[in-house]
C-alpha atoms as a PDB file:
ATOM      1  CA  MET A   1      19.551 -37.275 -52.032  1.00  0.00           C
ATOM      2  CA  SER A   2      19.205 -37.034 -48.235  1.00  0.00           C
ATOM      3  CA  SER A   3      17.177 -39.554 -46.245  1.00  0.00           C
ATOM      4  CA  GLU A   4      14.536 -36.884 -45.602  1.00  0.00           C
ATOM      5  CA  GLU A   5      14.266 -36.099 -49.323  1.00  0.00           C
ATOM      6  CA  ALA A   6      14.011 -39.810 -50.081  1.00  0.00           C
ATOM      7  CA  LEU A   7      11.181 -40.225 -47.549  1.00  0.00           C
ATOM      8  CA  ILE A   8       9.298 -37.241 -48.993  1.00  0.00           C
ATOM      9  CA  ARG A   9       9.644 -38.772 -52.469  1.00  0.00           C
ATOM     10  CA  VAL A  10       8.232 -42.092 -51.253  1.00  0.00           C
ATOM     11  CA  LEU A  11       5.388 -40.399 -49.370  1.00  0.00           C
ATOM     12  CA  THR A  12       4.328 -38.224 -52.308  1.00  0.00           C
ATOM     13  CA  GLN A  13       4.601 -40.695 -55.191  1.00  0.00           C
ATOM     14  CA  LEU A  14       1.829 -43.297 -55.113  1.00  0.00           C
ATOM     15  CA  PRO A  15       3.695 -46.215 -56.777  1.00  0.00           C
ATOM     16  CA  LEU A  16       6.522 -45.885 -54.221  1.00  0.00           C
ATOM     17  CA  PHE A  17       4.102 -45.308 -51.332  1.00  0.00           C
ATOM     18  CA  ALA A  18       2.147 -48.439 -52.290  1.00  0.00           C
ATOM     19  CA  LYS A  19       5.230 -50.614 -52.768  1.00  0.00           C
ATOM     20  CA  ASN A  20       6.828 -49.571 -49.482  1.00  0.00           C
ATOM     21  CA  PHE A  21       3.864 -49.104 -47.149  1.00  0.00           C
ATOM     22  CA  LEU A  22       0.585 -50.567 -48.430  1.00  0.00           C
ATOM     23  CA  LYS A  23      -0.391 -54.220 -48.061  1.00  0.00           C
ATOM     24  CA  ILE A  24      -2.921 -56.198 -50.096  1.00  0.00           C
ATOM     25  CA  ARG A  25      -4.417 -59.667 -49.783  1.00  0.00           C
ATOM     26  CA  THR A  26      -3.408 -61.684 -52.848  1.00  0.00           C
ATOM     27  CA  LYS A  27      -5.635 -64.213 -54.606  1.00  0.00           C
ATOM     28  CA  SER A  28      -3.806 -66.943 -52.685  1.00  0.00           C
ATOM     29  CA  GLY A  29      -4.701 -65.258 -49.379  1.00  0.00           C
ATOM     30  CA  ARG A  30      -1.250 -63.929 -48.506  1.00  0.00           C
ATOM     31  CA  ILE A  31      -0.706 -60.355 -47.262  1.00  0.00           C
ATOM     32  CA  GLU A  32       1.970 -58.767 -49.441  1.00  0.00           C
ATOM     33  CA  PRO A  33       3.287 -55.317 -50.441  1.00  0.00           C
ATOM     34  CA  PHE A  34       1.219 -53.617 -53.121  1.00  0.00           C
ATOM     35  CA  VAL A  35       3.351 -53.596 -56.264  1.00  0.00           C
ATOM     36  CA  PHE A  36       1.422 -52.355 -59.298  1.00  0.00           C
ATOM     37  CA  ASN A  37       0.679 -54.837 -62.055  1.00  0.00           C
ATOM     38  CA  ARG A  38       0.640 -53.897 -65.749  1.00  0.00           C
ATOM     39  CA  ALA A  39      -3.007 -52.761 -65.750  1.00  0.00           C
ATOM     40  CA  GLN A  40      -2.533 -50.665 -62.611  1.00  0.00           C
ATOM     41  CA  GLU A  41       0.596 -49.033 -64.028  1.00  0.00           C
ATOM     42  CA  TYR A  42      -1.344 -48.116 -67.178  1.00  0.00           C
ATOM     43  CA  ILE A  43      -4.274 -46.635 -65.235  1.00  0.00           C
ATOM     44  CA  HIS A  44      -1.881 -44.663 -63.025  1.00  0.00           C
ATOM     45  CA  SER A  45      -0.043 -43.279 -66.048  1.00  0.00           C
ATOM     46  CA  ARG A  46      -3.264 -42.167 -67.759  1.00  0.00           C
ATOM     47  CA  LEU A  47      -4.647 -40.500 -64.630  1.00  0.00           C
ATOM     48  CA  GLU A  48      -1.397 -38.725 -63.801  1.00  0.00           C
ATOM     49  CA  ASP A  49      -1.031 -37.449 -67.373  1.00  0.00           C
ATOM     50  CA  GLN A  50      -4.531 -35.977 -67.197  1.00  0.00           C
ATOM     51  CA  LYS A  51      -3.867 -34.460 -63.783  1.00  0.00           C
ATOM     52  CA  LEU A  52      -0.676 -32.856 -65.071  1.00  0.00           C
ATOM     53  CA  ALA A  53      -2.473 -31.455 -68.121  1.00  0.00           C
ATOM     54  CA  THR A  54      -5.692 -30.224 -66.472  1.00  0.00           C
ATOM     55  CA  GLY A  55      -4.994 -30.096 -62.730  1.00  0.00           C
ATOM     56  CA  LYS A  56      -7.728 -32.633 -61.982  1.00  0.00           C
ATOM     57  CA  VAL A  57      -8.864 -36.170 -62.805  1.00  0.00           C
ATOM     58  CA  ARG A  58     -12.063 -37.067 -64.650  1.00  0.00           C
ATOM     59  CA  ALA A  59     -11.969 -40.647 -65.886  1.00  0.00           C
ATOM     60  CA  LEU A  60     -14.129 -43.574 -66.950  1.00  0.00           C
ATOM     61  CA  ILE A  61     -12.485 -46.992 -66.766  1.00  0.00           C
ATOM     62  CA  LEU A  62     -14.012 -49.913 -68.679  1.00  0.00           C
ATOM     63  CA  LYS A  63     -12.283 -52.957 -67.276  1.00  0.00           C
ATOM     64  CA  GLY A  64     -11.977 -56.696 -67.448  1.00  0.00           C
ATOM     65  CA  ARG A  65     -12.434 -58.654 -64.242  1.00  0.00           C
ATOM     66  CA  GLN A  66      -9.767 -59.356 -61.622  1.00  0.00           C
ATOM     67  CA  GLN A  67      -7.201 -56.842 -62.869  1.00  0.00           C
ATOM     68  CA  GLY A  68      -6.906 -54.789 -59.700  1.00  0.00           C
ATOM     69  CA  CYS A  69      -8.605 -51.597 -60.874  1.00  0.00           C
ATOM     70  CA  SER A  70     -10.591 -51.085 -57.651  1.00  0.00           C
ATOM     71  CA  THR A  71      -7.539 -52.020 -55.571  1.00  0.00           C
ATOM     72  CA  TYR A  72      -5.565 -49.300 -57.351  1.00  0.00           C
ATOM     73  CA  VAL A  73      -8.249 -46.613 -57.026  1.00  0.00           C
ATOM     74  CA  GLN A  74      -8.739 -47.402 -53.326  1.00  0.00           C
ATOM     75  CA  ALA A  75      -5.006 -47.017 -52.757  1.00  0.00           C
ATOM     76  CA  ARG A  76      -5.056 -43.736 -54.673  1.00  0.00           C
ATOM     77  CA  ASP A  77      -7.945 -42.415 -52.567  1.00  0.00           C
ATOM     78  CA  PHE A  78      -6.399 -43.538 -49.273  1.00  0.00           C
ATOM     79  CA  HIS A  79      -3.041 -42.017 -50.202  1.00  0.00           C
ATOM     80  CA  VAL A  80      -4.687 -38.634 -50.795  1.00  0.00           C
ATOM     81  CA  VAL A  81      -6.765 -38.485 -47.600  1.00  0.00           C
ATOM     82  CA  SER A  82      -3.982 -39.767 -45.338  1.00  0.00           C
ATOM     83  CA  THR A  83      -1.253 -37.435 -46.608  1.00  0.00           C
ATOM     84  CA  GLN A  84      -3.053 -34.231 -47.679  1.00  0.00           C
ATOM     85  CA  ARG A  85      -5.131 -31.662 -45.825  1.00  0.00           C
ATOM     86  CA  GLY A  86      -8.808 -30.986 -46.413  1.00  0.00           C
ATOM     87  CA  MET A  87      -9.465 -33.906 -48.761  1.00  0.00           C
ATOM     88  CA  LYS A  88     -12.697 -35.865 -48.464  1.00  0.00           C
ATOM     89  CA  ALA A  89     -13.103 -39.050 -50.472  1.00  0.00           C
ATOM     90  CA  PHE A  90     -16.414 -40.825 -51.025  1.00  0.00           C
ATOM     91  CA  ILE A  91     -16.825 -44.222 -52.660  1.00  0.00           C
ATOM     92  CA  ILE A  92     -20.031 -45.837 -53.925  1.00  0.00           C
ATOM     93  CA  THR A  93     -20.295 -49.470 -55.008  1.00  0.00           C
ATOM     94  CA  HIS A  94     -23.141 -51.419 -56.569  1.00  0.00           C
ATOM     95  CA  ASP A  95     -24.016 -53.603 -53.570  1.00  0.00           C
ATOM     96  CA  ALA A  96     -23.442 -53.952 -49.823  1.00  0.00           C
ATOM     97  CA  GLU A  97     -20.917 -56.797 -50.085  1.00  0.00           C
ATOM     98  CA  ALA A  98     -18.748 -54.849 -52.503  1.00  0.00           C
ATOM     99  CA  THR A  99     -18.964 -51.792 -50.235  1.00  0.00           C
ATOM    100  CA  LYS A 100     -17.710 -53.869 -47.294  1.00  0.00           C
ATOM    101  CA  ASN A 101     -14.933 -55.422 -49.376  1.00  0.00           C
ATOM    102  CA  LEU A 102     -13.601 -52.061 -50.565  1.00  0.00           C
ATOM    103  CA  PHE A 103     -13.726 -50.556 -47.092  1.00  0.00           C
ATOM    104  CA  ASP A 104     -11.969 -53.608 -45.603  1.00  0.00           C
ATOM    105  CA  MET A 105      -9.270 -53.214 -48.258  1.00  0.00           C
ATOM    106  CA  THR A 106      -8.701 -49.578 -47.335  1.00  0.00           C
ATOM    107  CA  LYS A 107      -8.787 -50.330 -43.617  1.00  0.00           C
ATOM    108  CA  ARG A 108      -6.046 -52.912 -44.219  1.00  0.00           C
ATOM    109  CA  TYR A 109      -3.992 -50.235 -45.969  1.00  0.00           C
ATOM    110  CA  ASN A 110      -4.325 -48.093 -42.840  1.00  0.00           C
ATOM    111  CA  ASP A 111      -3.825 -50.874 -40.287  1.00  0.00           C
ATOM    112  CA  GLU A 112      -0.648 -52.174 -41.934  1.00  0.00           C
ATOM    113  CA  LEU A 113       1.089 -48.771 -42.137  1.00  0.00           C
ATOM    114  CA  PRO A 114       4.191 -48.254 -40.000  1.00  0.00           C
ATOM    115  CA  GLU A 115       3.228 -46.452 -36.801  1.00  0.00           C
ATOM    116  CA  GLY A 116       3.673 -42.689 -37.053  1.00  0.00           C
ATOM    117  CA  LEU A 117       4.081 -42.592 -40.828  1.00  0.00           C
ATOM    118  CA  VAL A 118       0.812 -40.668 -41.288  1.00  0.00           C
ATOM    119  CA  PRO A 119      -1.747 -39.460 -38.715  1.00  0.00           C
ATOM    120  CA  SER A 120      -3.920 -42.194 -37.242  1.00  0.00           C
ATOM    121  CA  PRO A 121      -7.656 -41.849 -37.995  1.00  0.00           C
ATOM    122  CA  ASP A 122      -9.650 -40.316 -35.142  1.00  0.00           C
ATOM    123  CA  THR A 123     -12.759 -42.120 -36.368  1.00  0.00           C
ATOM    124  CA  SER A 124     -12.624 -45.689 -37.657  1.00  0.00           C
ATOM    125  CA  SER A 125     -16.129 -47.081 -38.096  1.00  0.00           C
ATOM    126  CA  ALA A 126     -17.600 -49.663 -40.453  1.00  0.00           C
ATOM    127  CA  LYS A 127     -17.884 -47.099 -43.242  1.00  0.00           C
ATOM    128  CA  GLU A 128     -15.594 -44.169 -42.463  1.00  0.00           C
ATOM    129  CA  LEU A 129     -12.024 -43.164 -41.652  1.00  0.00           C
ATOM    130  CA  LYS A 130     -11.681 -39.591 -40.429  1.00  0.00           C
ATOM    131  CA  PHE A 131      -8.347 -37.800 -39.983  1.00  0.00           C
ATOM    132  CA  ASN A 132      -9.211 -34.782 -37.825  1.00  0.00           C
ATOM    133  CA  SER A 133      -5.677 -33.396 -37.767  1.00  0.00           C
ATOM    134  CA  LEU A 134      -5.724 -33.210 -41.574  1.00  0.00           C
ATOM    135  CA  GLY A 135      -9.381 -32.310 -41.956  1.00  0.00           C
ATOM    136  CA  SER A 136      -9.633 -35.280 -44.346  1.00  0.00           C
ATOM    137  CA  SER A 137     -11.862 -38.341 -44.475  1.00  0.00           C
ATOM    138  CA  TYR A 138     -12.714 -41.483 -46.431  1.00  0.00           C
ATOM    139  CA  ALA A 139     -16.246 -42.923 -46.510  1.00  0.00           C
ATOM    140  CA  VAL A 140     -18.180 -45.553 -48.456  1.00  0.00           C
ATOM    141  CA  GLY A 141     -21.806 -46.077 -49.447  1.00  0.00           C
ATOM    142  CA  THR A 142     -24.007 -48.376 -51.533  1.00  0.00           C
ATOM    143  CA  ALA A 143     -25.867 -47.386 -54.691  1.00  0.00           C
ATOM    144  CA  GLY A 144     -29.093 -49.119 -53.632  1.00  0.00           C
ATOM    145  CA  ASN A 145     -29.928 -46.086 -51.469  1.00  0.00           C
ATOM    146  CA  LYS A 146     -31.145 -43.230 -53.686  1.00  0.00           C
ATOM    147  CA  SER A 147     -30.084 -40.548 -51.196  1.00  0.00           C
ATOM    148  CA  VAL A 148     -26.589 -41.877 -50.485  1.00  0.00           C
ATOM    149  CA  GLY A 149     -23.926 -39.196 -50.777  1.00  0.00           C
ATOM    150  CA  ARG A 150     -26.278 -36.257 -51.191  1.00  0.00           C
ATOM    151  CA  SER A 151     -25.624 -32.957 -49.379  1.00  0.00           C
ATOM    152  CA  GLN A 152     -21.885 -33.639 -49.188  1.00  0.00           C
ATOM    153  CA  THR A 153     -18.904 -31.585 -50.253  1.00  0.00           C
ATOM    154  CA  ILE A 154     -16.181 -33.901 -51.500  1.00  0.00           C
ATOM    155  CA  GLN A 155     -12.951 -33.627 -53.466  1.00  0.00           C
ATOM    156  CA  ILE A 156     -12.439 -37.274 -54.432  1.00  0.00           C
ATOM    157  CA  PHE A 157     -15.163 -39.546 -55.789  1.00  0.00           C
ATOM    158  CA  HIS A 158     -14.849 -43.184 -56.851  1.00  0.00           C
ATOM    159  CA  GLY A 159     -17.833 -44.977 -58.381  1.00  0.00           C
ATOM    160  CA  SER A 160     -17.327 -48.740 -58.596  1.00  0.00           C
ATOM    161  CA  GLU A 161     -19.230 -51.018 -61.024  1.00  0.00           C
ATOM    162  CA  VAL A 162     -21.297 -48.032 -62.146  1.00  0.00           C
ATOM    163  CA  ALA A 163     -22.974 -50.009 -64.944  1.00  0.00           C
ATOM    164  CA  TYR A 164     -24.705 -52.048 -62.225  1.00  0.00           C
ATOM    165  CA  TRP A 165     -26.014 -49.149 -60.120  1.00  0.00           C
ATOM    166  CA  PRO A 166     -29.819 -49.289 -59.863  1.00  0.00           C
ATOM    167  CA  HIS A 167     -30.195 -45.491 -59.600  1.00  0.00           C
ATOM    168  CA  ALA A 168     -27.126 -44.293 -61.497  1.00  0.00           C
ATOM    169  CA  GLU A 169     -28.616 -41.129 -63.004  1.00  0.00           C
ATOM    170  CA  GLU A 170     -29.983 -39.932 -59.654  1.00  0.00           C
ATOM    171  CA  HIS A 171     -26.648 -40.570 -57.943  1.00  0.00           C
ATOM    172  CA  ALA A 172     -24.855 -38.696 -60.699  1.00  0.00           C
ATOM    173  CA  LYS A 173     -27.085 -35.645 -60.269  1.00  0.00           C
ATOM    174  CA  GLY A 174     -26.444 -35.529 -56.537  1.00  0.00           C
ATOM    175  CA  ILE A 175     -22.890 -36.716 -55.998  1.00  0.00           C
ATOM    176  CA  LEU A 176     -21.011 -35.578 -59.088  1.00  0.00           C
ATOM    177  CA  GLN A 177     -22.282 -32.062 -58.492  1.00  0.00           C
ATOM    178  CA  ALA A 178     -20.783 -32.242 -54.999  1.00  0.00           C
ATOM    179  CA  VAL A 179     -17.295 -32.370 -56.546  1.00  0.00           C
ATOM    180  CA  SER A 180     -16.072 -28.933 -57.622  1.00  0.00           C
ATOM    181  CA  ASN A 181     -13.886 -28.196 -60.632  1.00  0.00           C
ATOM    182  CA  GLU A 182     -11.037 -27.068 -58.392  1.00  0.00           C
ATOM    183  CA  PRO A 183      -7.493 -28.349 -59.042  1.00  0.00           C
ATOM    184  CA  GLY A 184      -6.753 -31.583 -57.206  1.00  0.00           C
ATOM    185  CA  THR A 185     -10.299 -32.943 -57.402  1.00  0.00           C
ATOM    186  CA  GLU A 186     -10.919 -36.392 -58.858  1.00  0.00           C
ATOM    187  CA  ILE A 187     -13.891 -38.322 -60.231  1.00  0.00           C
ATOM    188  CA  ILE A 188     -13.169 -41.898 -61.278  1.00  0.00           C
ATOM    189  CA  LEU A 189     -16.021 -44.094 -62.500  1.00  0.00           C
ATOM    190  CA  GLU A 190     -15.140 -47.711 -63.281  1.00  0.00           C
ATOM    191  CA  SER A 191     -17.086 -50.788 -64.291  1.00  0.00           C
ATOM    192  CA  THR A 192     -17.135 -54.044 -66.157  1.00  0.00           C
ATOM    193  CA  ALA A 193     -19.520 -53.978 -69.122  1.00  0.00           C
ATOM    194  CA  ASN A 194     -23.253 -54.511 -68.549  1.00  0.00           C
ATOM    195  CA  GLY A 195     -24.967 -54.116 -71.905  1.00  0.00           C
ATOM    196  CA  ILE A 196     -25.980 -50.914 -73.677  1.00  0.00           C
ATOM    197  CA  GLY A 197     -28.211 -47.993 -72.783  1.00  0.00           C
ATOM    198  CA  ASN A 198     -27.318 -47.651 -69.093  1.00  0.00           C
ATOM    199  CA  TYR A 199     -25.751 -44.568 -67.511  1.00  0.00           C
ATOM    200  CA  PHE A 200     -22.174 -45.864 -67.642  1.00  0.00           C
ATOM    201  CA  TYR A 201     -22.555 -46.930 -71.273  1.00  0.00           C
ATOM    202  CA  ASN A 202     -23.825 -43.483 -72.250  1.00  0.00           C
ATOM    203  CA  MET A 203     -21.014 -41.789 -70.323  1.00  0.00           C
ATOM    204  CA  TRP A 204     -18.500 -44.071 -72.053  1.00  0.00           C
ATOM    205  CA  VAL A 205     -19.815 -43.256 -75.535  1.00  0.00           C
ATOM    206  CA  SER A 206     -19.598 -39.543 -74.748  1.00  0.00           C
ATOM    207  CA  ALA A 207     -16.063 -39.787 -73.314  1.00  0.00           C
ATOM    208  CA  SER A 208     -14.652 -42.059 -76.018  1.00  0.00           C
ATOM    209  CA  SER A 209     -15.922 -39.685 -78.725  1.00  0.00           C
ATOM    210  CA  GLY A 210     -14.325 -36.671 -77.015  1.00  0.00           C
ATOM    211  CA  GLN A 211     -17.638 -35.038 -76.093  1.00  0.00           C
ATOM    212  CA  SER A 212     -17.034 -34.743 -72.345  1.00  0.00           C
ATOM    213  CA  ASP A 213     -14.345 -33.768 -69.826  1.00  0.00           C
ATOM    214  CA  PHE A 214     -13.905 -37.445 -68.941  1.00  0.00           C
ATOM    215  CA  GLN A 215     -11.195 -39.540 -70.519  1.00  0.00           C
ATOM    216  CA  ALA A 216     -12.069 -43.104 -71.528  1.00  0.00           C
ATOM    217  CA  ILE A 217      -9.618 -45.763 -70.308  1.00  0.00           C
ATOM    218  CA  PHE A 218     -10.109 -49.319 -71.598  1.00  0.00           C
ATOM    219  CA  ILE A 219      -8.444 -52.203 -69.755  1.00  0.00           C
ATOM    220  CA  PRO A 220      -9.004 -55.425 -71.754  1.00  0.00           C
ATOM    221  CA  TRP A 221      -9.183 -58.773 -69.949  1.00  0.00           C
ATOM    222  CA  TYR A 222      -5.732 -59.815 -71.187  1.00  0.00           C
END
């Protein structure tokens, strides 16, 4: 394998891209390379299997706390928008602090990349990275605003802690319809449990019983 082929392999395969180029802040506060843990490897395997089988990703992830699910999905989203053309990713969290934390995580991914590896963002604000040369972008919003994300056309959507969204059904009507069924599109909704009867719970029951296009991925606390 030539050096160019090796670089292409690293750039196109997320586990290698993360290990070689992405940095995360560990629980001890150190900045270290992003090497997938067991839970992240499992999520990646499930999503990639679905993508191979259907051409797209539609997934619900019921997770325990502090397992790195959001860290993984943010890396997945950033990898897509920074290396592919015409991909717009939008992320919604359950509150403003979580929105800031996820965006700061992704901005660290970008800031720690080797210079020249991927195009630098032309816009880098408090809530958006925009790669004009690729026609791609990454933006975040908070579920407390009923209109957040409406009137957009996106290819990648990540909903974080969906069971805690105050207006989950309204967001679903607006945002999920903004993602087409084209190959390469992704919708990933993840959350810790928050009782029964809410939007995420109902989606989970439907997915786990095989009554929807979404696959149900359970990541227990252990």
